[in-house]
Amino acid sequence: MPYESRYATCAGREIHFTEWGARNGPTVIAWHGLARTGRDMDELAAHLSSRYRVICPDTIGRGLSQWSADPHNEYRLSFYTRIAAELLDRLGIGEAHWVGTSMGGAIGTVAAGGLAEPGLKTRIKSLVLNDNAPRLADAAVARIRAYAGNPPAFDTVLELEAFYRQVYKPFGWLSDSQWRRLAETSTRRLPDGRVTPHYDPQMVRQFTDHPNDYDLWTHYDAIDIPVLCLRGEDSDLVLRDATEEMMRRGPGSKGLARVVEIAGCGHAPALNVPEQLDLVTAFIDGHEAAARAPAPKVASAMRP
């Protein structure tokens, strides 16, 4: 099903997003990772679009969304969550399921916990964390900070595509056409004519200006909705001790959390192959059905 490219002003910034499916269907918010764009969610959105309205935003400073004039205050999870809240308001979305890859999962955790934006807590119906956890491995964060803060520039798009194929190899299998689309939808041309990744390098200040921004246990512990965590089997960002702790705390302690390891992937599964798409879809379908099921009748204790 084709998508529509749209824009909305949220928290004073122009935010780009793609919209898939019927606008009167239940909604899924699909949010991308740190240095990526909403177009990473094309396969998932297409897969869900026959039954769901799917919204795939570009985070501020990424893709076609506006860059921040105030990087210190706006490239951080609390501001991204404010944008999410205003985007739902602009689109008239009362409730939504959330699928987030890496940073997108962290935004979803903050949203679902309701501590930063209390109005969002009751609006998120289920949460899929794609290789994201309330605690991330320090070494992997340092690696991401190093490459994301210094994006390379190339003479040609094909050279940039080759770079993407190398740095995002942990995504798992992508077809040649998917790699080409990934390159073309995350490329911008510099004044000297070279091409570079389509994001504001200042966004990496999230890690230097707010070094504890991804310590999210307090937010996670406040979540009381179903959570599915997909961990790349070879992920160096989300370690098994973190997912094990997720099962003991917050929604995990209430029997609401599940962790599934995705073979053949590191950080982060691309959500582009049938096994991954079906896993996410089954999770959302199950909790959408549960949310719509009528409440069981309670027998009255009063005698006629």
Protein backbone atom coordinates (compact mmCIF):
# COMPACT_ATOMS: atom_id res chain seq x y z
CA MET A 1 0.00 0.00 0.00
CA PRO A 2 1.44 3.45 -0.89
CA TYR A 3 2.27 5.96 1.81
CA GLU A 4 1.69 9.69 2.09
CA SER A 5 4.54 12.07 2.94
CA ARG A 6 3.34 14.65 5.50
CA TYR A 7 4.58 17.41 7.79
CA ALA A 8 3.39 18.79 11.14
CA THR A 9 4.66 21.48 13.51
CA CYS A 10 5.40 19.90 16.89
CA ALA A 11 7.08 21.69 19.81
CA GLY A 12 7.76 24.56 17.42
CA ARG A 13 9.66 22.41 14.87
CA GLU A 14 8.62 21.03 11.50
CA ILE A 15 8.48 17.26 11.69
CA HIS A 16 8.26 15.02 8.64
CA PHE A 17 6.54 11.65 8.75
CA THR A 18 5.14 9.06 6.41
CA GLU A 19 1.61 7.80 6.90
CA TRP A 20 0.46 4.36 5.79
CA GLY A 21 -2.89 2.57 5.83
CA ALA A 22 -6.40 3.73 6.63
CA ARG A 23 -6.76 6.78 8.87
CA ASN A 24 -9.74 5.21 10.65
CA GLY A 25 -7.80 2.10 11.70
CA PRO A 26 -5.98 1.52 15.00
CA THR A 27 -2.62 3.28 15.02
CA VAL A 28 0.98 2.12 15.22
CA ILE A 29 3.81 4.59 15.78
CA ALA A 30 7.04 3.22 14.24
CA TRP A 31 10.07 5.25 15.35
CA HIS A 32 13.57 4.84 13.93
CA GLY A 33 17.04 4.69 15.51
CA LEU A 34 19.60 7.35 16.39
CA ALA A 35 21.16 8.26 13.03
CA ARG A 36 18.42 6.89 10.81
CA THR A 37 15.11 8.05 9.32
CA GLY A 38 11.52 6.93 9.35
CA ARG A 39 11.97 5.24 5.99
CA ASP A 40 13.71 2.39 7.82
CA MET A 41 10.20 1.35 8.84
CA ASP A 42 8.87 0.96 5.27
CA GLU A 43 8.67 -2.84 5.35
CA LEU A 44 6.97 -2.92 8.74
CA ALA A 45 4.55 -0.15 7.78
CA ALA A 46 3.64 -1.85 4.51
CA HIS A 47 3.14 -5.14 6.35
CA LEU A 48 0.77 -3.55 8.87
CA SER A 49 -0.99 -1.10 6.57
CA SER A 50 -3.88 -3.34 5.55
CA ARG A 51 -5.23 -3.19 9.11
CA TYR A 52 -3.45 -0.31 10.84
CA ARG A 53 -2.72 3.35 10.41
CA VAL A 54 1.09 3.51 10.65
CA ILE A 55 2.97 6.74 11.39
CA CYS A 56 6.75 6.77 10.78
CA PRO A 57 8.33 10.07 11.91
CA ASP A 58 11.74 11.51 11.15
CA THR A 59 13.11 12.67 14.51
CA ILE A 60 14.09 16.33 14.71
CA GLY A 61 17.52 16.69 13.09
CA ARG A 62 17.08 13.61 10.91
CA GLY A 63 15.79 13.00 7.40
CA LEU A 64 13.38 15.69 6.25
CA SER A 65 12.55 17.03 9.71
CA GLN A 66 13.83 20.44 10.75
CA TRP A 67 17.21 20.69 12.43
CA SER A 68 17.30 22.12 15.94
CA ALA A 69 18.38 25.70 16.61
CA ASP A 70 18.90 24.68 20.25
CA PRO A 71 20.83 21.38 20.16
CA HIS A 72 21.59 21.31 23.90
CA ASN A 73 17.93 21.35 24.95
CA GLU A 74 16.26 19.65 22.00
CA TYR A 75 18.47 16.69 21.10
CA ARG A 76 17.38 14.63 24.09
CA LEU A 77 14.71 12.06 24.95
CA SER A 78 12.43 14.39 26.89
CA PHE A 79 12.13 16.76 23.91
CA TYR A 80 11.64 13.89 21.47
CA THR A 81 8.82 12.63 23.70
CA ARG A 82 7.25 16.08 23.74
CA ILE A 83 7.32 16.02 19.94
CA ALA A 84 5.66 12.59 20.00
CA ALA A 85 2.89 13.85 22.28
CA GLU A 86 2.19 16.85 20.07
CA LEU A 87 2.30 14.72 16.91
CA LEU A 88 -0.39 12.43 18.31
CA ASP A 89 -2.45 15.51 19.19
CA ARG A 90 -2.00 17.04 15.73
CA LEU A 91 -3.13 13.81 14.08
CA GLY A 92 -6.04 13.22 16.43
CA ILE A 93 -4.60 9.92 17.69
CA GLY A 94 -6.03 8.95 21.06
CA GLU A 95 -4.18 5.66 21.49
CA ALA A 96 -1.40 3.86 19.65
CA HIS A 97 0.87 0.85 19.72
CA TRP A 98 4.57 1.81 19.64
CA VAL A 99 7.41 0.09 17.79
CA GLY A 100 10.81 1.69 18.32
CA THR A 101 14.25 0.74 17.05
CA SER A 102 17.11 1.70 19.38
CA MET A 103 16.56 5.41 20.14
CA GLY A 104 12.96 5.02 18.95
CA GLY A 105 12.51 2.38 21.62
CA ALA A 106 13.98 4.71 24.25
CA ILE A 107 11.50 7.42 23.25
CA GLY A 108 8.73 4.83 23.53
CA THR A 109 9.92 3.84 27.00
CA VAL A 110 9.83 7.45 28.18
CA ALA A 111 6.41 7.92 26.57
CA ALA A 112 4.90 4.76 28.06
CA GLY A 113 6.33 5.45 31.51
CA GLY A 114 4.49 8.77 31.60
CA LEU A 115 7.03 10.57 33.80
CA ALA A 116 8.11 13.15 31.21
CA GLU A 117 4.76 13.52 29.41
CA PRO A 118 2.06 12.23 31.81
CA GLY A 119 -0.63 12.53 29.16
CA LEU A 120 1.05 9.85 27.05
CA LYS A 121 0.99 7.08 29.64
CA THR A 122 -2.58 5.99 28.96
CA ARG A 123 -2.25 6.50 25.20
CA ILE A 124 0.43 3.86 24.51
CA LYS A 125 -1.25 0.42 24.33
CA SER A 126 1.79 -1.79 23.76
CA LEU A 127 5.51 -1.29 23.28
CA VAL A 128 8.02 -3.08 21.03
CA LEU A 129 11.65 -2.31 21.85
CA ASN A 130 13.83 -3.29 18.90
CA ASP A 131 17.30 -3.80 20.39
CA ASN A 132 16.78 -1.25 23.11
CA ALA A 133 16.84 -1.61 26.89
CA PRO A 134 16.82 0.70 29.92
CA ARG A 135 20.58 0.18 30.20
CA LEU A 136 22.96 0.21 27.23
CA ALA A 137 26.52 -1.09 27.03
CA ASP A 138 29.04 1.73 27.50
CA ALA A 139 31.47 0.46 24.87
CA ALA A 140 28.79 0.30 22.19
CA VAL A 141 27.51 3.78 23.08
CA ALA A 142 31.08 5.09 22.68
CA ARG A 143 31.32 3.41 19.27
CA ILE A 144 28.04 4.93 18.10
CA ARG A 145 29.01 8.36 19.42
CA ALA A 146 32.30 8.20 17.52
CA TYR A 147 30.84 7.44 14.09
CA ALA A 148 27.58 9.38 14.45
CA GLY A 149 29.31 12.57 15.54
CA ASN A 150 31.68 12.56 12.58
CA PRO A 151 29.67 11.52 9.53
CA PRO A 152 31.85 10.86 6.49
CA ALA A 153 31.43 12.49 3.11
CA PHE A 154 31.81 10.80 -0.27
CA ASP A 155 31.94 11.88 -3.88
CA THR A 156 29.17 9.51 -4.95
CA VAL A 157 26.01 7.94 -3.55
CA LEU A 158 27.36 4.47 -4.37
CA GLU A 159 30.36 5.12 -2.13
CA LEU A 160 28.00 6.21 0.66
CA GLU A 161 25.92 3.07 0.09
CA ALA A 162 29.06 0.96 0.50
CA PHE A 163 29.73 2.74 3.80
CA TYR A 164 26.18 2.02 4.96
CA ARG A 165 26.51 -1.65 4.02
CA GLN A 166 29.55 -1.87 6.26
CA VAL A 167 28.47 0.16 9.27
CA TYR A 168 24.95 -1.29 9.30
CA LYS A 169 25.96 -4.88 8.60
CA PRO A 170 24.59 -5.87 12.05
CA PHE A 171 21.09 -5.02 10.77
CA GLY A 172 21.08 -8.50 9.24
CA TRP A 173 20.03 -9.45 5.72
CA LEU A 174 18.85 -6.70 3.38
CA SER A 175 18.22 -7.12 -0.31
CA ASP A 176 20.19 -5.03 -2.80
CA SER A 177 17.11 -2.87 -3.41
CA GLN A 178 16.65 -2.36 0.33
CA TRP A 179 20.28 -1.24 0.70
CA ARG A 180 19.80 1.14 -2.22
CA ARG A 181 16.67 2.62 -0.67
CA LEU A 182 18.40 2.94 2.71
CA ALA A 183 21.19 4.90 1.04
CA GLU A 184 18.95 7.11 -1.07
CA THR A 185 16.57 7.97 1.78
CA SER A 186 19.37 8.90 4.17
CA THR A 187 21.63 10.97 1.92
CA ARG A 188 22.08 14.73 1.73
CA ARG A 189 24.41 16.69 -0.53
CA LEU A 190 26.93 19.10 0.96
CA PRO A 191 27.72 22.56 -0.48
CA ASP A 192 30.86 21.12 -2.11
CA GLY A 193 28.77 18.52 -3.95
CA ARG A 194 29.74 15.50 -1.87
CA VAL A 195 27.15 13.34 -0.11
CA THR A 196 26.85 12.52 3.59
CA PRO A 197 24.30 10.89 5.95
CA HIS A 198 21.06 12.84 6.25
CA TYR A 199 21.20 14.06 9.84
CA ASP A 200 22.49 16.94 11.92
CA PRO A 201 25.85 15.92 13.44
CA GLN A 202 24.95 18.04 16.48
CA MET A 203 22.42 15.40 17.51
CA VAL A 204 25.29 13.43 19.02
CA ARG A 205 25.42 16.09 21.76
CA GLN A 206 22.71 14.06 23.45
CA PHE A 207 25.53 11.82 24.71
CA THR A 208 27.91 14.59 25.78
CA ASP A 209 25.43 17.15 27.14
CA HIS A 210 23.11 14.56 28.72
CA PRO A 211 25.29 11.53 29.46
CA ASN A 212 22.61 9.79 31.54
CA ASP A 213 19.81 10.28 29.02
CA TYR A 214 19.62 6.57 28.22
CA ASP A 215 19.56 5.39 31.84
CA LEU A 216 15.87 4.58 31.75
CA TRP A 217 15.13 2.19 34.60
CA THR A 218 12.92 4.73 36.38
CA HIS A 219 10.82 5.13 33.22
CA TYR A 220 10.77 1.40 32.55
CA ASP A 221 9.66 0.61 36.10
CA ALA A 222 6.66 2.91 35.61
CA ILE A 223 5.40 0.99 32.54
CA ASP A 224 2.32 -1.16 33.00
CA ILE A 225 1.56 -2.20 29.41
CA PRO A 226 2.77 -5.23 27.41
CA VAL A 227 6.39 -4.96 26.24
CA LEU A 228 8.17 -7.06 23.61
CA CYS A 229 11.96 -6.65 23.49
CA LEU A 230 13.70 -7.92 20.36
CA ARG A 231 17.38 -8.37 21.07
CA GLY A 232 19.80 -8.90 18.22
CA GLU A 233 21.58 -12.14 19.05
CA ASP A 234 24.97 -10.48 18.51
CA SER A 235 24.04 -7.04 19.82
CA ASP A 236 26.86 -5.17 21.55
CA LEU A 237 24.46 -2.44 22.71
CA VAL A 238 21.82 -4.48 24.54
CA LEU A 239 23.51 -7.15 26.63
CA ARG A 240 21.76 -10.18 28.08
CA ASP A 241 22.16 -8.99 31.65
CA ALA A 242 20.07 -5.94 30.74
CA THR A 243 17.25 -8.00 29.22
CA GLU A 244 17.36 -10.39 32.17
CA GLU A 245 16.89 -7.43 34.50
CA MET A 246 14.00 -6.22 32.32
CA MET A 247 12.22 -9.48 33.10
CA ARG A 248 12.60 -8.88 36.85
CA ARG A 249 11.54 -5.23 36.93
CA GLY A 250 8.69 -3.00 35.80
CA PRO A 251 6.39 -4.74 33.33
CA GLY A 252 8.58 -7.84 33.55
CA SER A 253 7.78 -8.27 37.23
CA LYS A 254 4.07 -8.14 36.33
CA GLY A 255 4.29 -10.78 33.61
CA LEU A 256 3.84 -8.16 30.89
CA ALA A 257 7.31 -8.33 29.28
CA ARG A 258 8.85 -10.80 26.84
CA VAL A 259 12.34 -10.95 25.33
CA VAL A 260 13.04 -12.64 21.99
CA GLU A 261 16.52 -12.95 20.51
CA ILE A 262 16.78 -12.47 16.75
CA ALA A 263 19.36 -14.75 15.13
CA GLY A 264 21.77 -13.40 12.55
CA CYS A 265 21.53 -9.80 13.76
CA GLY A 266 23.41 -7.43 15.99
CA HIS A 267 22.29 -3.86 16.56
CA ALA A 268 19.59 -3.65 15.38
CA PRO A 269 17.32 -6.07 13.46
CA ALA A 270 16.07 -4.32 10.33
CA LEU A 271 12.42 -5.47 10.74
CA ASN A 272 12.37 -6.34 7.06
CA VAL A 273 12.05 -10.13 6.83
CA PRO A 274 8.94 -12.29 7.38
CA GLU A 275 10.05 -13.81 10.69
CA GLN A 276 10.61 -10.40 12.29
CA LEU A 277 7.53 -8.81 10.71
CA ASP A 278 5.29 -11.65 11.79
CA LEU A 279 6.64 -11.54 15.35
CA VAL A 280 5.91 -7.82 15.72
CA THR A 281 2.53 -8.12 13.99
CA ALA A 282 1.38 -11.02 16.16
CA PHE A 283 2.32 -9.07 19.29
CA ILE A 284 0.41 -5.96 18.18
CA ASP A 285 -2.57 -7.97 16.90
CA GLY A 286 -2.84 -9.84 20.19
CA HIS A 287 -2.90 -6.72 22.30
CA GLU A 288 -5.13 -4.80 19.92
CA ALA A 289 -7.65 -7.65 20.17
CA ALA A 290 -7.33 -7.67 23.96
CA ALA A 291 -7.88 -3.92 24.13
CA ARG A 292 -11.05 -4.21 22.06
CA ALA A 293 -12.49 -7.24 23.86
CA PRO A 294 -15.58 -6.44 25.95
CA ALA A 295 -15.08 -6.44 29.69
CA PRO A 296 -16.22 -9.67 31.33
CA LYS A 297 -19.56 -9.52 33.06
CA VAL A 298 -19.41 -9.54 36.83
CA ALA A 299 -22.15 -11.47 38.59
CA SER A 300 -24.10 -9.36 41.02
CA ALA A 301 -23.95 -10.30 44.67
CA MET A 302 -27.44 -8.89 45.22
CA ARG A 303 -30.45 -11.17 45.24
CA PRO A 304 -33.43 -10.20 43.14
